[in-house]
Amino acid sequence: MALRVYLVDDEPLALKGLTRLLNATGRVEIVESTTDPRVALDFLSNHEVDAVFLDVQMPDLTGFELLARLPSHPMVVFTTAFDRFALSAFEVNSVDYLLKPIEPQHLDRALTKLERICGSAEHAASNNRLRALIAELSRRYPTRIASRTGERVTFTDLSAISHFYSRDGLTYAATATTDVIVDTTIGELEQRLDPEVFLRVHRAAIVNLAFVEEVSRGFAGGLSVRLNDTKRTSLPVARDRVRGLKARMGF
């Protein structure tokens, strides 16, 4: 019986190429595919498949973050253009990984491994290790954030971002040269970012503490922070965030 597989890759051309290669093998049934990791999360949370071919580096949710949110784990073959991500894939005990551009002989190797493991005791043991290691990996904090413009996705180092803010339903990451739209909310960023580096100062803003130059009292005794960015940005601090700011800044 052919393996039932699901494909996830945020690059349409890469997804199309993988689909073509898998169909050519005649060894799998592609149940569904998507370029959106959140669509994948919803589907995989409600449907069973034998295996997932999963891109690692995607905007909004990485492959590792997607797996961390699933209630159960199918077998996983990671696909990536970066060797350093391949190493992490083995750290979470994936069935296999494929470096892009994917070679047919490497795909055959991965399929053979999937067929051997599927339904065996090795699969159950592998799934338990995968669950534990995914939980550990998901606690690591990102070092870059993605922003999408049309079909282009760009990545910005978090160390270059002075603050995040929301306006008119959109979230922006502010750097020295530009403000870019990121496809996430302030609340989601608060959960994902390293709390040793980023602090939410009110409902619509998160600051990079490395950019805080001055804290001052404002109207009605409230606090504000001034950043040492190019715009000398000043942001108010919500009353329920004052204690956290003082604790983090040591005053």
Protein backbone atom coordinates (compact mmCIF):
# COMPACT_ATOMS: atom_id res chain seq x y z
CA MET A 1 0.00 0.00 0.00
CA ALA A 2 1.33 3.44 -0.92
CA LEU A 3 2.37 5.77 1.88
CA ARG A 4 -0.07 8.63 2.49
CA VAL A 5 1.99 11.82 2.66
CA TYR A 6 1.42 15.54 3.20
CA LEU A 7 3.72 18.22 1.75
CA VAL A 8 4.57 21.59 3.30
CA ASP A 9 6.84 24.17 1.66
CA ASP A 10 6.33 27.94 1.55
CA GLU A 11 8.02 28.14 -1.87
CA PRO A 12 5.48 27.26 -4.61
CA LEU A 13 8.14 26.16 -7.09
CA ALA A 14 9.81 23.90 -4.52
CA LEU A 15 6.44 22.38 -3.64
CA LYS A 16 5.64 21.78 -7.29
CA GLY A 17 9.03 20.14 -7.84
CA LEU A 18 8.68 17.83 -4.84
CA THR A 19 5.17 16.87 -5.97
CA ARG A 20 6.48 15.96 -9.42
CA LEU A 21 9.34 13.87 -7.99
CA LEU A 22 7.08 11.99 -5.58
CA ASN A 23 4.45 11.27 -8.23
CA ALA A 24 7.16 9.91 -10.49
CA THR A 25 8.15 7.29 -7.90
CA GLY A 26 4.67 5.73 -7.76
CA ARG A 27 5.34 4.91 -4.10
CA VAL A 28 3.18 7.50 -2.32
CA GLU A 29 -0.28 9.01 -2.30
CA ILE A 30 -0.08 12.80 -1.82
CA VAL A 31 -3.07 13.49 0.41
CA GLU A 32 -2.68 17.27 0.30
CA SER A 33 -0.04 20.00 0.09
CA THR A 34 0.27 23.64 1.11
CA THR A 35 2.59 26.63 1.13
CA ASP A 36 1.08 27.92 4.39
CA PRO A 37 2.36 26.32 7.64
CA ARG A 38 -0.78 27.41 9.51
CA VAL A 39 -2.96 25.57 6.99
CA ALA A 40 -0.71 22.55 7.51
CA LEU A 41 -1.08 22.85 11.28
CA ASP A 42 -4.87 22.82 10.99
CA PHE A 43 -4.94 19.89 8.57
CA LEU A 44 -2.44 17.72 10.45
CA SER A 45 -4.20 18.39 13.75
CA ASN A 46 -7.37 16.85 12.33
CA HIS A 47 -6.20 14.22 9.83
CA GLU A 48 -3.84 11.26 9.99
CA VAL A 49 -1.13 10.70 7.40
CA ASP A 50 1.83 8.33 7.30
CA ALA A 51 4.46 11.00 6.77
CA VAL A 52 5.05 14.71 6.24
CA PHE A 53 7.62 16.24 3.92
CA LEU A 54 8.26 19.44 5.81
CA ASP A 55 10.22 22.57 4.93
CA VAL A 56 12.31 23.86 7.83
CA GLN A 57 12.65 27.60 7.32
CA MET A 58 9.24 29.19 6.75
CA PRO A 59 7.83 32.58 7.76
CA ASP A 60 5.48 32.73 10.72
CA LEU A 61 6.03 29.07 11.72
CA THR A 62 9.21 27.08 11.17
CA GLY A 63 8.94 23.37 10.54
CA PHE A 64 10.08 22.71 14.10
CA GLU A 65 7.49 25.10 15.56
CA LEU A 66 4.75 23.51 13.50
CA LEU A 67 5.63 20.05 14.84
CA ALA A 68 5.71 21.37 18.40
CA ARG A 69 2.04 22.39 18.10
CA LEU A 70 0.74 19.10 16.73
CA PRO A 71 -1.16 16.80 19.11
CA SER A 72 0.55 13.76 17.53
CA HIS A 73 3.45 13.31 15.14
CA PRO A 74 3.57 11.45 11.84
CA MET A 75 6.92 10.41 10.44
CA VAL A 76 8.85 13.43 9.18
CA VAL A 77 11.19 14.06 6.29
CA PHE A 78 12.63 17.57 6.52
CA THR A 79 13.45 19.50 3.35
CA THR A 80 15.92 22.36 3.55
CA ALA A 81 18.35 24.42 1.50
CA PHE A 82 20.67 24.85 4.50
CA ASP A 83 23.01 22.21 5.95
CA ARG A 84 22.84 23.77 9.42
CA PHE A 85 19.11 23.04 9.49
CA ALA A 86 19.79 19.46 8.40
CA LEU A 87 21.81 18.99 11.57
CA SER A 88 18.91 20.25 13.68
CA ALA A 89 16.60 17.89 11.80
CA PHE A 90 18.63 14.93 12.99
CA GLU A 91 18.64 16.38 16.51
CA VAL A 92 14.86 15.99 16.54
CA ASN A 93 15.14 12.46 15.12
CA SER A 94 13.40 12.98 11.81
CA VAL A 95 13.15 9.94 9.58
CA ASP A 96 15.39 11.68 7.09
CA TYR A 97 16.21 15.03 5.52
CA LEU A 98 16.56 16.18 1.94
CA LEU A 99 18.76 19.06 0.85
CA LYS A 100 17.36 21.29 -1.89
CA PRO A 101 17.47 20.94 -4.82
CA ILE A 102 16.24 17.43 -4.09
CA GLU A 103 17.93 14.59 -5.99
CA PRO A 104 15.77 11.60 -7.04
CA GLN A 105 18.21 9.07 -5.51
CA HIS A 106 18.07 10.87 -2.16
CA LEU A 107 14.28 10.90 -2.30
CA ASP A 108 14.27 7.14 -2.98
CA ARG A 109 16.49 6.63 0.08
CA ALA A 110 14.04 8.57 2.25
CA LEU A 111 11.03 6.66 0.91
CA THR A 112 12.72 3.32 1.57
CA LYS A 113 13.36 4.36 5.15
CA LEU A 114 9.75 5.51 5.56
CA GLU A 115 8.43 2.21 4.23
CA ARG A 116 10.65 0.24 6.62
CA ILE A 117 9.63 2.20 9.69
CA CYS A 118 5.90 2.70 9.01
CA GLY A 119 3.80 0.63 11.43
CA SER A 120 6.80 -0.94 13.13
CA ALA A 121 7.96 -0.82 16.75
CA GLU A 122 10.76 1.43 15.52
CA HIS A 123 8.13 3.98 14.50
CA ALA A 124 6.63 4.12 18.01
CA ALA A 125 10.02 4.53 19.66
CA SER A 126 11.05 7.14 17.13
CA ASN A 127 7.83 9.08 17.70
CA ASN A 128 8.42 9.23 21.46
CA ARG A 129 11.94 10.59 20.97
CA LEU A 130 10.69 13.05 18.37
CA ARG A 131 8.05 14.42 20.74
CA ALA A 132 10.54 14.98 23.57
CA LEU A 133 13.19 16.55 21.38
CA ILE A 134 10.72 18.78 19.50
CA ALA A 135 9.53 20.15 22.84
CA GLU A 136 13.12 20.98 23.76
CA LEU A 137 13.92 22.54 20.39
CA SER A 138 10.75 24.64 20.34
CA ARG A 139 11.91 26.42 23.48
CA ARG A 140 14.85 27.90 21.61
CA TYR A 141 14.32 31.46 20.52
CA PRO A 142 14.59 32.67 16.90
CA THR A 143 17.43 34.95 15.80
CA ARG A 144 15.68 36.30 12.67
CA ILE A 145 12.16 37.18 11.66
CA ALA A 146 10.54 36.92 8.26
CA SER A 147 8.54 39.48 6.35
CA ARG A 148 6.72 38.87 3.07
CA THR A 149 6.23 41.27 0.15
CA GLY A 150 4.30 39.65 -2.65
CA GLU A 151 6.21 36.48 -3.57
CA ARG A 152 9.40 37.64 -1.81
CA VAL A 153 10.30 36.71 1.76
CA THR A 154 13.08 38.62 3.49
CA PHE A 155 14.68 37.95 6.85
CA THR A 156 15.84 40.51 9.41
CA ASP A 157 18.20 39.83 12.31
CA LEU A 158 16.34 40.42 15.56
CA SER A 159 19.41 42.16 16.97
CA ALA A 160 18.87 44.94 14.38
CA ILE A 161 15.24 45.54 15.42
CA SER A 162 14.78 48.32 17.96
CA HIS A 163 11.11 47.60 18.57
CA PHE A 164 7.90 46.08 17.24
CA TYR A 165 4.66 48.04 17.09
CA SER A 166 1.14 47.56 15.79
CA ARG A 167 -0.85 50.09 13.81
CA ASP A 168 -4.10 49.78 11.83
CA GLY A 169 -4.21 46.03 12.32
CA LEU A 170 -0.64 45.43 11.11
CA THR A 171 2.55 44.63 13.03
CA TYR A 172 5.83 46.33 12.13
CA ALA A 173 9.46 45.61 12.97
CA ALA A 174 11.48 48.84 13.18
CA THR A 175 15.13 48.91 12.12
CA ALA A 176 17.59 51.73 11.47
CA THR A 177 16.70 51.86 7.78
CA THR A 178 13.08 50.78 7.46
CA ASP A 179 9.96 49.43 9.14
CA VAL A 180 8.83 46.08 7.72
CA ILE A 181 5.50 44.32 8.14
CA VAL A 182 5.67 40.96 9.91
CA ASP A 183 2.90 38.40 9.66
CA THR A 184 2.25 37.97 13.39
CA THR A 185 0.66 39.83 16.28
CA ILE A 186 2.30 41.60 19.20
CA GLY A 187 0.85 38.96 21.49
CA GLU A 188 2.34 36.13 19.43
CA LEU A 189 5.70 37.90 19.30
CA GLU A 190 5.70 38.24 23.08
CA GLN A 191 5.44 34.45 23.32
CA ARG A 192 8.07 33.70 20.65
CA LEU A 193 10.83 36.20 21.44
CA ASP A 194 13.58 35.81 24.02
CA PRO A 195 12.28 37.56 27.17
CA GLU A 196 15.87 38.38 28.13
CA VAL A 197 16.10 40.60 25.05
CA PHE A 198 12.57 41.82 24.27
CA LEU A 199 10.00 43.29 26.63
CA ARG A 200 6.39 44.24 25.92
CA VAL A 201 5.82 47.75 27.28
CA HIS A 202 2.17 48.10 26.31
CA ARG A 203 -0.46 46.32 24.24
CA ALA A 204 0.89 47.66 20.95
CA ALA A 205 4.67 47.65 21.41
CA ILE A 206 7.63 45.42 22.28
CA VAL A 207 11.09 46.93 22.77
CA ASN A 208 14.55 45.51 22.30
CA LEU A 209 16.09 46.31 25.69
CA ALA A 210 19.50 46.84 24.10
CA PHE A 211 18.07 49.96 22.43
CA VAL A 212 16.61 51.52 25.60
CA GLU A 213 18.62 54.67 26.33
CA GLU A 214 16.41 56.44 28.84
CA VAL A 215 13.38 55.89 31.06
CA SER A 216 11.50 58.98 32.17
CA ARG A 217 8.31 59.98 33.94
CA GLY A 218 5.62 61.46 31.78
CA PHE A 219 2.09 62.75 32.13
CA ALA A 220 0.27 61.71 35.33
CA GLY A 221 3.35 59.97 36.63
CA GLY A 222 3.49 57.35 33.89
CA LEU A 223 6.76 56.07 32.45
CA SER A 224 8.09 56.21 28.92
CA VAL A 225 11.16 54.73 27.30
CA ARG A 226 13.34 56.51 24.76
CA LEU A 227 15.26 54.38 22.31
CA ASN A 228 18.66 55.15 20.84
CA ASP A 229 17.43 54.41 17.32
CA THR A 230 17.68 56.83 14.42
CA LYS A 231 14.24 58.31 15.18
CA ARG A 232 14.84 58.66 18.91
CA THR A 233 11.58 56.79 19.40
CA SER A 234 9.66 57.38 22.62
CA LEU A 235 7.14 54.77 23.78
CA PRO A 236 4.77 54.88 26.75
CA VAL A 237 4.89 52.10 29.33
CA ALA A 238 1.55 50.68 30.46
CA ARG A 239 1.00 50.75 34.21
CA ASP A 240 0.85 46.96 34.43
CA ARG A 241 4.23 46.76 32.65
CA VAL A 242 6.13 49.19 34.86
CA ARG A 243 7.17 46.62 37.44
CA GLY A 244 8.53 44.29 34.78
CA LEU A 245 10.48 47.11 33.14
CA LYS A 246 12.03 48.16 36.43
CA ALA A 247 13.01 44.61 37.24
CA ARG A 248 14.59 44.06 33.83
CA MET A 249 16.41 47.40 33.70
CA GLY A 250 17.49 47.29 37.36
CA PHE A 251 16.13 50.57 38.73
